[in-house]
Amino acid sequence: MDQRQEAAGTAAGGETGTRRFRAKRDAILAAAAEAINEQSAKGMTFADVARRVGLNTTSVTYYFRRKEDLAAAAFENTLERLTEMVADAATRPDPRTRVARYLSLYMARLQRIAAGEDSAFAVLSDLRATEEPIKSRLLAGWQRVFRETRALWGEPTSRAQKDLNGARAHVILENTFWLPIWINRYDPDQYGRVEARLMDVFAHGIAAPSAEWAPRLLDLSHDEAEPGRAAFLLAATRLINTLGYRGASVQRIASELNVTKGSFYHHLDAKDELVLACYRRSFDTISAAQALADERGGSHWQRLASTIATLIDVQFAESAPLLRTTALAGLPPGEREAMVDRSNRIARRYAGTIMDGVAEGSCRPVDALIAAQTLTSLQNAAFDMRKWASAMPRERAVAMYASTLLFGLFDDRMAASSVLP
């Protein structure tokens, strides 16, 4: 709390006033988180936040002078809550019970949110689109959360082990961020079952014990009907993945391609249309990979491994990446729901492959629908691990990152130098 806030608390009547001040501030932060999750940080307005808590705009500015300060406080609140959960999990005796504890704490919060007893986190997708010096402070906070999550697996015994633990930390965090997108398909009294089935995938993976990692990368190249339009979509995808929906302005996209804004509108009518087109291109790419894997045949484990390896490779290459879910918050509700529905159709196809793999014995008996959502998160989030992947041969990076869910978060085979080139 800064000096102005402390003075406000004192002026309001000592300890009681301070409590009231904090309660109102917390309510504003909760409303800001809702607005950010629906509209993105840059789309959030003081007027909307004030309406959600029954205040006028001037009252909100009494607590936060600028919209950027309010967004930063909402992000910091998310980082603080994550830090608390990871710190609690770290008190458990071994990696598996630590991860289980973290997941349990996160699921308990989701259950409280569903019951109206708690408020949602502000998603961190717009964090990189904030301005300095706020951006550096928030990124430093995120790095602390990441390092402390990685430490749940203990002190690494080698560089390869550290790399693997980094992949594990990223996957567990991204999967818990993805949870609110699909958990509403379950009744709250089923959250305990979801937690148990999700932890089963985290602990033991999807592959059958006898399965081997030998994916065959799929050729996704094809001639573009409109090369100029395709170039816009790829430039936009890279910028949106990095800066979020609001951070990737039309001017920035045009500048990335060294063209005018007029050229942008020659290919697309509006920014929302651009984001939808980027999503469609990404979903078409994923669907094409799934279809090609089926055409090649082989066991369903082989098809699954080849699809996931190909899509992670695409994300690490960055030349034609898939669009992250960071853009969802910037879309109008109808379009956002349509994109989530398309994502769920892709997840159901993964689920079908897994179920067929279970039937033939090449995949473990898992809850295929839940396992499919973890894979959706995996391929979606891989873009953010480009720097991590660039520090090793691509084939090794793909195998290590994929192993986190295909073989489980506690399988150390991928850290052994003899397994990978």
Protein backbone atom coordinates (compact mmCIF):
# COMPACT_ATOMS: atom_id res chain seq x y z
CA MET A 1 0.00 0.00 0.00
CA ASP A 2 1.48 3.41 -0.99
CA GLN A 3 1.46 6.54 1.19
CA ARG A 4 -1.70 7.95 -0.39
CA GLN A 5 -3.55 4.72 0.30
CA GLU A 6 -2.27 4.53 3.87
CA ALA A 7 -3.41 8.10 4.46
CA ALA A 8 -6.83 7.26 3.03
CA GLY A 9 -7.13 4.33 5.41
CA THR A 10 -6.17 6.44 8.41
CA ALA A 11 -8.51 9.24 7.44
CA ALA A 12 -11.37 6.79 7.16
CA GLY A 13 -11.09 5.90 10.81
CA GLY A 14 -8.03 3.88 11.79
CA GLU A 15 -8.08 0.10 11.52
CA THR A 16 -11.77 -0.10 10.58
CA GLY A 17 -11.28 2.43 7.82
CA THR A 18 -8.24 0.59 6.54
CA ARG A 19 -10.21 -2.66 6.40
CA ARG A 20 -12.97 -0.94 4.46
CA PHE A 21 -10.43 0.60 2.12
CA ARG A 22 -8.86 -2.78 1.45
CA ALA A 23 -12.25 -4.46 0.98
CA LYS A 24 -13.29 -1.87 -1.61
CA ARG A 25 -9.90 -2.09 -3.30
CA ASP A 26 -10.20 -5.88 -3.47
CA ALA A 27 -13.68 -5.54 -5.00
CA ILE A 28 -12.29 -3.19 -7.64
CA LEU A 29 -9.46 -5.63 -8.40
CA ALA A 30 -11.95 -8.49 -8.75
CA ALA A 31 -14.05 -6.40 -11.15
CA ALA A 32 -10.94 -5.43 -13.09
CA ALA A 33 -9.98 -9.10 -13.42
CA GLU A 34 -13.41 -9.90 -14.87
CA ALA A 35 -13.10 -7.01 -17.33
CA ILE A 36 -9.58 -8.01 -18.37
CA ASN A 37 -10.64 -11.62 -18.93
CA GLU A 38 -13.55 -10.51 -21.10
CA GLN A 39 -12.03 -7.55 -22.95
CA SER A 40 -8.23 -7.65 -22.39
CA ALA A 41 -6.29 -5.16 -20.28
CA LYS A 42 -6.26 -2.47 -22.94
CA GLY A 43 -9.99 -2.92 -23.56
CA MET A 44 -10.85 -2.54 -19.88
CA THR A 45 -12.29 0.87 -18.88
CA PHE A 46 -12.71 2.62 -15.55
CA ALA A 47 -16.42 3.08 -16.36
CA ASP A 48 -16.95 -0.66 -16.81
CA VAL A 49 -15.06 -1.53 -13.63
CA ALA A 50 -16.99 1.11 -11.69
CA ARG A 51 -20.30 -0.29 -12.98
CA ARG A 52 -19.36 -3.81 -11.85
CA VAL A 53 -18.76 -2.67 -8.24
CA GLY A 54 -21.55 -0.09 -8.05
CA LEU A 55 -19.27 2.95 -7.91
CA ASN A 56 -18.77 5.98 -10.10
CA THR A 57 -15.64 6.40 -12.17
CA THR A 58 -14.21 9.06 -9.87
CA SER A 59 -14.39 6.64 -6.95
CA VAL A 60 -12.31 4.08 -8.85
CA THR A 61 -9.66 6.68 -9.69
CA TYR A 62 -9.39 7.41 -5.96
CA TYR A 63 -7.90 3.93 -5.57
CA PHE A 64 -6.02 3.75 -8.88
CA ARG A 65 -5.03 6.93 -10.67
CA ARG A 66 -4.55 5.36 -14.11
CA LYS A 67 -6.11 2.43 -15.93
CA GLU A 68 -2.60 1.02 -16.38
CA ASP A 69 -2.10 1.03 -12.59
CA LEU A 70 -5.34 -0.89 -12.10
CA ALA A 71 -4.43 -3.49 -14.73
CA ALA A 72 -0.98 -3.89 -13.20
CA ALA A 73 -2.48 -4.37 -9.74
CA ALA A 74 -4.84 -7.04 -11.11
CA PHE A 75 -1.92 -8.87 -12.73
CA GLU A 76 0.14 -8.59 -9.55
CA ASN A 77 -2.75 -10.02 -7.58
CA THR A 78 -2.73 -13.06 -9.90
CA LEU A 79 1.02 -13.46 -9.46
CA GLU A 80 0.73 -13.18 -5.67
CA ARG A 81 -1.98 -15.86 -5.52
CA LEU A 82 0.06 -18.17 -7.75
CA THR A 83 3.13 -17.59 -5.59
CA GLU A 84 1.14 -18.51 -2.48
CA MET A 85 -0.14 -21.74 -4.02
CA VAL A 86 3.29 -22.78 -5.29
CA ALA A 87 4.85 -21.97 -1.90
CA ASP A 88 2.24 -24.13 -0.18
CA ALA A 89 2.86 -26.96 -2.66
CA ALA A 90 6.61 -26.71 -2.11
CA THR A 91 6.19 -27.82 1.53
CA ARG A 92 5.21 -31.33 0.38
CA PRO A 93 7.89 -34.05 0.49
CA ASP A 94 8.36 -34.96 -3.20
CA PRO A 95 7.62 -33.67 -6.72
CA ARG A 96 4.47 -35.71 -7.27
CA THR A 97 2.78 -34.65 -4.03
CA ARG A 98 3.86 -31.04 -4.65
CA VAL A 99 2.25 -30.94 -8.09
CA ALA A 100 -0.84 -32.69 -6.71
CA ARG A 101 -1.08 -30.08 -3.96
CA TYR A 102 -0.75 -27.18 -6.42
CA LEU A 103 -3.47 -28.66 -8.63
CA SER A 104 -5.70 -29.25 -5.60
CA LEU A 105 -5.35 -25.63 -4.47
CA TYR A 106 -6.10 -24.35 -7.97
CA MET A 107 -9.13 -26.60 -8.38
CA ALA A 108 -10.44 -25.55 -4.95
CA ARG A 109 -10.30 -21.93 -6.07
CA LEU A 110 -12.18 -22.75 -9.29
CA GLN A 111 -14.83 -24.46 -7.19
CA ARG A 112 -15.15 -21.39 -4.96
CA ILE A 113 -15.45 -19.20 -8.06
CA ALA A 114 -18.20 -21.43 -9.43
CA ALA A 115 -20.02 -21.12 -6.09
CA GLY A 116 -19.68 -17.32 -6.10
CA GLU A 117 -17.39 -17.43 -3.07
CA ASP A 118 -14.23 -16.14 -4.78
CA SER A 119 -13.19 -14.05 -7.76
CA ALA A 120 -11.39 -15.15 -10.90
CA PHE A 121 -7.74 -14.43 -11.59
CA ALA A 122 -6.86 -11.84 -14.20
CA VAL A 123 -5.39 -13.89 -17.04
CA LEU A 124 -1.78 -12.97 -17.76
CA SER A 125 -1.99 -13.02 -21.54
CA ASP A 126 -1.78 -9.22 -21.83
CA LEU A 127 1.15 -8.92 -19.47
CA ARG A 128 3.70 -8.35 -22.26
CA ALA A 129 1.54 -5.60 -23.77
CA THR A 130 1.89 -3.37 -20.71
CA GLU A 131 4.11 -0.30 -20.83
CA GLU A 132 7.41 0.26 -19.05
CA PRO A 133 8.30 0.40 -16.22
CA ILE A 134 5.26 -1.71 -15.27
CA LYS A 135 6.10 -4.35 -17.86
CA SER A 136 9.54 -5.14 -16.42
CA ARG A 137 8.11 -5.41 -12.90
CA LEU A 138 5.36 -7.79 -13.99
CA LEU A 139 7.69 -9.93 -16.10
CA ALA A 140 10.05 -10.23 -13.15
CA GLY A 141 7.11 -11.42 -11.05
CA TRP A 142 6.17 -13.99 -13.67
CA GLN A 143 9.75 -15.25 -13.83
CA ARG A 144 9.71 -15.77 -10.05
CA VAL A 145 6.51 -17.82 -10.31
CA PHE A 146 8.06 -19.88 -13.10
CA ARG A 147 11.31 -20.53 -11.20
CA GLU A 148 9.47 -21.49 -8.02
CA THR A 149 7.19 -23.83 -9.98
CA ARG A 150 10.23 -25.42 -11.64
CA ALA A 151 11.73 -25.93 -8.18
CA LEU A 152 8.81 -28.26 -7.32
CA TRP A 153 10.87 -30.97 -9.05
CA GLY A 154 13.87 -30.33 -6.81
CA GLU A 155 17.43 -29.38 -7.60
CA PRO A 156 18.39 -30.59 -11.10
CA THR A 157 21.33 -32.95 -11.40
CA SER A 158 22.24 -31.87 -14.95
CA ARG A 159 21.53 -29.23 -17.59
CA ALA A 160 19.20 -31.67 -19.32
CA GLN A 161 17.30 -32.17 -16.07
CA LYS A 162 16.98 -28.41 -15.63
CA ASP A 163 15.68 -28.09 -19.20
CA LEU A 164 13.13 -30.83 -18.60
CA ASN A 165 12.00 -29.28 -15.31
CA GLY A 166 11.54 -25.97 -17.11
CA ALA A 167 9.28 -27.63 -19.66
CA ARG A 168 7.33 -29.30 -16.87
CA ALA A 169 6.82 -26.02 -15.01
CA HIS A 170 5.57 -24.30 -18.14
CA VAL A 171 3.17 -27.12 -18.98
CA ILE A 172 1.66 -27.33 -15.49
CA LEU A 173 1.15 -23.56 -15.30
CA GLU A 174 -0.31 -23.30 -18.81
CA ASN A 175 -2.66 -26.21 -18.17
CA THR A 176 -4.02 -24.60 -15.04
CA PHE A 177 -4.50 -21.33 -16.97
CA TRP A 178 -6.38 -23.28 -19.67
CA LEU A 179 -8.62 -25.00 -17.08
CA PRO A 180 -11.16 -22.14 -16.75
CA ILE A 181 -11.80 -22.33 -20.51
CA TRP A 182 -13.13 -25.89 -20.40
CA ILE A 183 -14.01 -26.64 -16.76
CA ASN A 184 -17.46 -25.06 -17.20
CA ARG A 185 -18.44 -28.14 -19.20
CA TYR A 186 -18.53 -29.99 -15.86
CA ASP A 187 -20.85 -29.52 -12.90
CA PRO A 188 -19.03 -28.20 -9.81
CA ASP A 189 -19.68 -31.44 -7.94
CA GLN A 190 -17.57 -33.16 -10.61
CA TYR A 191 -14.51 -30.96 -10.04
CA GLY A 192 -12.99 -33.53 -7.68
CA ARG A 193 -13.22 -36.19 -10.37
CA VAL A 194 -11.73 -33.80 -12.96
CA GLU A 195 -8.84 -33.09 -10.59
CA ALA A 196 -8.15 -36.81 -10.08
CA ARG A 197 -8.26 -37.59 -13.82
CA LEU A 198 -6.12 -34.59 -14.67
CA MET A 199 -3.54 -35.52 -12.06
CA ASP A 200 -3.50 -39.05 -13.48
CA VAL A 201 -2.43 -37.63 -16.86
CA PHE A 202 0.13 -35.37 -15.20
CA ALA A 203 1.55 -38.27 -13.20
CA HIS A 204 1.56 -41.08 -15.76
CA GLY A 205 1.08 -39.53 -19.18
CA ILE A 206 -0.94 -40.85 -22.10
CA ALA A 207 1.40 -43.39 -23.68
CA ALA A 208 1.20 -47.06 -22.77
CA PRO A 209 4.23 -48.30 -20.77
CA SER A 210 5.62 -50.05 -23.86
CA ALA A 211 5.22 -47.03 -26.17
CA GLU A 212 8.32 -45.47 -27.69
CA TRP A 213 8.95 -41.95 -28.88
CA ALA A 214 9.44 -42.22 -32.66
CA PRO A 215 7.23 -39.56 -34.27
CA ARG A 216 7.23 -38.91 -38.00
CA LEU A 217 6.95 -35.19 -38.71
CA LEU A 218 4.12 -34.34 -41.08
CA ASP A 219 4.48 -32.10 -44.14
CA LEU A 220 2.05 -29.25 -43.63
CA SER A 221 3.34 -27.11 -46.49
CA HIS A 222 0.89 -26.11 -49.22
CA ASP A 223 0.45 -23.40 -51.83
CA GLU A 224 -1.30 -20.29 -50.56
CA ALA A 225 -4.23 -19.04 -52.63
CA GLU A 226 -3.46 -15.47 -51.49
CA PRO A 227 0.22 -15.18 -50.54
CA GLY A 228 -0.15 -11.52 -49.53
CA ARG A 229 -3.03 -12.26 -47.19
CA ALA A 230 -1.16 -15.24 -45.73
CA ALA A 231 1.82 -12.99 -44.96
CA PHE A 232 -0.47 -10.63 -43.02
CA LEU A 233 -1.91 -13.52 -41.05
CA LEU A 234 1.52 -14.86 -40.09
CA ALA A 235 2.83 -11.43 -39.08
CA ALA A 236 -0.29 -10.79 -37.05
CA THR A 237 -0.08 -14.19 -35.37
CA ARG A 238 3.50 -13.60 -34.27
CA LEU A 239 2.71 -10.14 -32.89
CA ILE A 240 -0.52 -11.18 -31.15
CA ASN A 241 1.25 -14.15 -29.57
CA THR A 242 3.91 -11.80 -28.24
CA LEU A 243 1.92 -8.67 -27.37
CA GLY A 244 -1.68 -9.82 -27.01
CA TYR A 245 -4.71 -8.74 -29.03
CA ARG A 246 -4.64 -5.07 -28.08
CA GLY A 247 -0.87 -4.78 -28.16
CA ALA A 248 -0.66 -5.93 -31.78
CA SER A 249 -2.08 -2.85 -33.49
CA VAL A 250 -2.82 -2.65 -37.21
CA GLN A 251 0.05 -0.15 -37.50
CA ARG A 252 2.48 -2.58 -35.88
CA ILE A 253 1.39 -5.42 -38.13
CA ALA A 254 1.79 -3.23 -41.21
CA SER A 255 5.19 -2.05 -39.99
CA GLU A 256 6.28 -5.66 -39.46
CA LEU A 257 5.70 -6.23 -43.18
CA ASN A 258 6.96 -2.79 -44.19
CA VAL A 259 3.67 -1.88 -45.84
CA THR A 260 1.02 0.78 -45.26
CA LYS A 261 -2.14 0.44 -43.18
CA GLY A 262 -4.03 0.76 -46.45
CA SER A 263 -2.45 -2.49 -47.59
CA PHE A 264 -3.81 -4.14 -44.47
CA TYR A 265 -7.36 -3.10 -45.28
CA HIS A 266 -6.89 -4.36 -48.82
CA HIS A 267 -6.73 -7.89 -47.38
CA LEU A 268 -8.96 -7.58 -44.30
CA ASP A 269 -11.81 -5.26 -43.34
CA ALA A 270 -11.21 -4.98 -39.59
CA LYS A 271 -8.93 -6.15 -36.81
CA ASP A 272 -11.50 -8.59 -35.41
CA GLU A 273 -11.70 -10.18 -38.85
CA LEU A 274 -7.90 -10.47 -38.78
CA VAL A 275 -7.89 -12.32 -35.46
CA LEU A 276 -10.66 -14.65 -36.60
CA ALA A 277 -8.75 -15.34 -39.80
CA CYS A 278 -5.60 -16.09 -37.77
CA TYR A 279 -7.54 -18.52 -35.59
CA ARG A 280 -9.05 -20.24 -38.62
CA ARG A 281 -5.60 -20.63 -40.19
CA SER A 282 -4.26 -22.10 -36.93
CA PHE A 283 -7.19 -24.47 -36.47
CA ASP A 284 -6.96 -25.53 -40.12
CA THR A 285 -3.27 -26.30 -39.56
CA ILE A 286 -4.02 -28.46 -36.51
CA SER A 287 -6.86 -30.26 -38.30
CA ALA A 288 -4.60 -30.88 -41.30
CA ALA A 289 -1.96 -32.43 -39.04
CA GLN A 290 -4.56 -34.70 -37.44
CA ALA A 291 -5.88 -35.76 -40.85
CA LEU A 292 -2.40 -36.40 -42.28
CA ALA A 293 -1.49 -38.55 -39.29
CA ASP A 294 -4.62 -40.63 -39.84
CA GLU A 295 -3.81 -40.98 -43.55
CA ARG A 296 -0.35 -42.31 -42.73
CA GLY A 297 -1.84 -44.97 -40.51
CA GLY A 298 0.02 -46.88 -37.85
CA SER A 299 -0.99 -47.24 -34.23
CA HIS A 300 -3.09 -44.50 -32.71
CA TRP A 301 -0.21 -43.71 -30.36
CA GLN A 302 1.99 -43.19 -33.43
CA ARG A 303 -0.61 -40.87 -34.95
CA LEU A 304 -0.94 -38.89 -31.76
CA ALA A 305 2.82 -38.57 -31.24
CA SER A 306 3.38 -37.50 -34.87
CA THR A 307 0.65 -34.87 -34.69
CA ILE A 308 1.85 -33.37 -31.41
CA ALA A 309 5.53 -33.44 -32.48
CA THR A 310 4.70 -31.69 -35.76
CA LEU A 311 2.67 -28.94 -34.09
CA ILE A 312 5.25 -28.30 -31.38
CA ASP A 313 7.90 -28.12 -34.10
CA VAL A 314 5.75 -25.52 -35.90
CA GLN A 315 5.54 -23.44 -32.73
CA PHE A 316 9.27 -23.64 -32.02
CA ALA A 317 10.16 -22.75 -35.62
CA GLU A 318 8.09 -19.53 -35.35
CA SER A 319 7.98 -19.15 -39.15
CA ALA A 320 4.27 -20.08 -39.26
CA PRO A 321 3.15 -20.33 -35.62
CA LEU A 322 -0.30 -21.16 -34.30
CA LEU A 323 -2.25 -18.38 -32.66
CA ARG A 324 -2.22 -18.43 -28.85
CA THR A 325 -5.44 -18.07 -26.88
CA THR A 326 -4.16 -14.63 -25.80
CA ALA A 327 -6.40 -13.10 -28.48
CA LEU A 328 -9.64 -14.60 -27.19
CA ALA A 329 -10.21 -11.84 -24.64
CA GLY A 330 -10.21 -9.21 -27.39
CA LEU A 331 -12.96 -10.81 -29.46
CA PRO A 332 -16.68 -10.08 -29.16
CA PRO A 333 -18.48 -12.79 -27.11
CA GLY A 334 -20.11 -14.52 -30.11
CA GLU A 335 -16.90 -14.83 -32.07
CA ARG A 336 -15.00 -15.89 -28.94
CA GLU A 337 -17.47 -18.69 -28.27
CA ALA A 338 -17.20 -19.84 -31.90
CA MET A 339 -13.43 -20.08 -31.64
CA VAL A 340 -13.59 -21.97 -28.33
CA ASP A 341 -16.10 -24.34 -29.94
CA ARG A 342 -13.70 -24.99 -32.84
CA SER A 343 -10.93 -25.66 -30.32
CA ASN A 344 -13.17 -28.14 -28.53
CA ARG A 345 -13.90 -29.97 -31.79
CA ILE A 346 -10.17 -30.38 -32.31
CA ALA A 347 -9.82 -31.61 -28.72
CA ARG A 348 -12.57 -34.16 -29.31
CA ARG A 349 -10.66 -35.51 -32.29
CA TYR A 350 -7.61 -35.93 -30.04
CA ALA A 351 -9.91 -37.68 -27.56
CA GLY A 352 -11.08 -40.07 -30.28
CA THR A 353 -7.48 -40.95 -31.18
CA ILE A 354 -6.66 -41.54 -27.52
CA MET A 355 -9.71 -43.76 -27.00
CA ASP A 356 -8.82 -45.84 -30.06
CA GLY A 357 -5.27 -46.06 -28.71
CA VAL A 358 -6.58 -47.30 -25.37
CA ALA A 359 -8.65 -49.94 -27.18
CA GLU A 360 -5.62 -51.21 -29.12
CA GLY A 361 -3.30 -50.97 -26.09
CA SER A 362 -0.94 -48.28 -27.40
CA CYS A 363 -2.28 -45.61 -24.98
CA ARG A 364 -2.97 -45.78 -21.26
CA PRO A 365 -6.57 -45.93 -20.00
CA VAL A 366 -7.12 -42.23 -19.28
CA ASP A 367 -10.04 -39.85 -19.36
CA ALA A 368 -9.65 -39.05 -23.06
CA LEU A 369 -11.62 -35.79 -22.97
CA ILE A 370 -9.48 -34.38 -20.18
CA ALA A 371 -6.24 -35.67 -21.71
CA ALA A 372 -7.22 -34.02 -25.01
CA GLN A 373 -7.58 -30.64 -23.29
CA THR A 374 -4.09 -30.98 -21.84
CA LEU A 375 -2.74 -31.56 -25.36
CA THR A 376 -4.61 -28.50 -26.62
CA SER A 377 -2.88 -26.45 -23.95
CA LEU A 378 0.48 -28.05 -24.76
CA GLN A 379 0.46 -27.20 -28.47
CA ASN A 380 -1.02 -23.76 -27.80
CA ALA A 381 1.58 -22.76 -25.20
CA ALA A 382 4.67 -24.11 -26.98
CA PHE A 383 5.14 -20.76 -28.77
CA ASP A 384 6.24 -19.18 -25.49
CA MET A 385 9.06 -21.72 -25.16
CA ARG A 386 10.87 -20.72 -28.35
CA LYS A 387 13.86 -19.28 -26.49
CA TRP A 388 14.07 -22.40 -24.28
CA ALA A 389 13.92 -24.61 -27.38
CA SER A 390 16.57 -22.61 -29.25
CA ALA A 391 19.20 -23.65 -26.68
CA MET A 392 19.19 -27.28 -27.89
CA PRO A 393 18.68 -29.29 -31.09
CA ARG A 394 15.08 -28.87 -32.27
CA GLU A 395 14.36 -32.60 -32.24
CA ARG A 396 15.45 -32.80 -28.61
CA ALA A 397 13.39 -29.76 -27.62
CA VAL A 398 10.27 -31.18 -29.28
CA ALA A 399 10.71 -34.58 -27.61
CA MET A 400 11.41 -33.09 -24.20
CA TYR A 401 8.45 -30.71 -24.30
CA ALA A 402 6.04 -33.37 -25.60
CA SER A 403 7.19 -35.90 -23.02
CA THR A 404 5.72 -33.82 -20.19
CA LEU A 405 2.21 -35.03 -21.02
CA LEU A 406 2.79 -38.01 -23.29
CA PHE A 407 4.98 -39.78 -20.69
CA GLY A 408 4.08 -37.78 -17.57
CA LEU A 409 5.59 -34.99 -15.52
CA PHE A 410 7.78 -37.32 -13.47
CA ASP A 411 9.32 -39.52 -16.17
CA ASP A 412 13.03 -38.72 -16.45
CA ARG A 413 13.85 -40.69 -19.59
CA MET A 414 13.92 -37.55 -21.72
CA ALA A 415 16.62 -36.04 -19.51
CA ALA A 416 18.98 -38.91 -20.33
CA SER A 417 21.41 -38.00 -23.09
CA SER A 418 21.22 -41.51 -24.50
CA VAL A 419 17.54 -41.11 -25.39
CA LEU A 420 17.77 -38.14 -27.72
CA PRO A 421 20.29 -36.73 -30.19
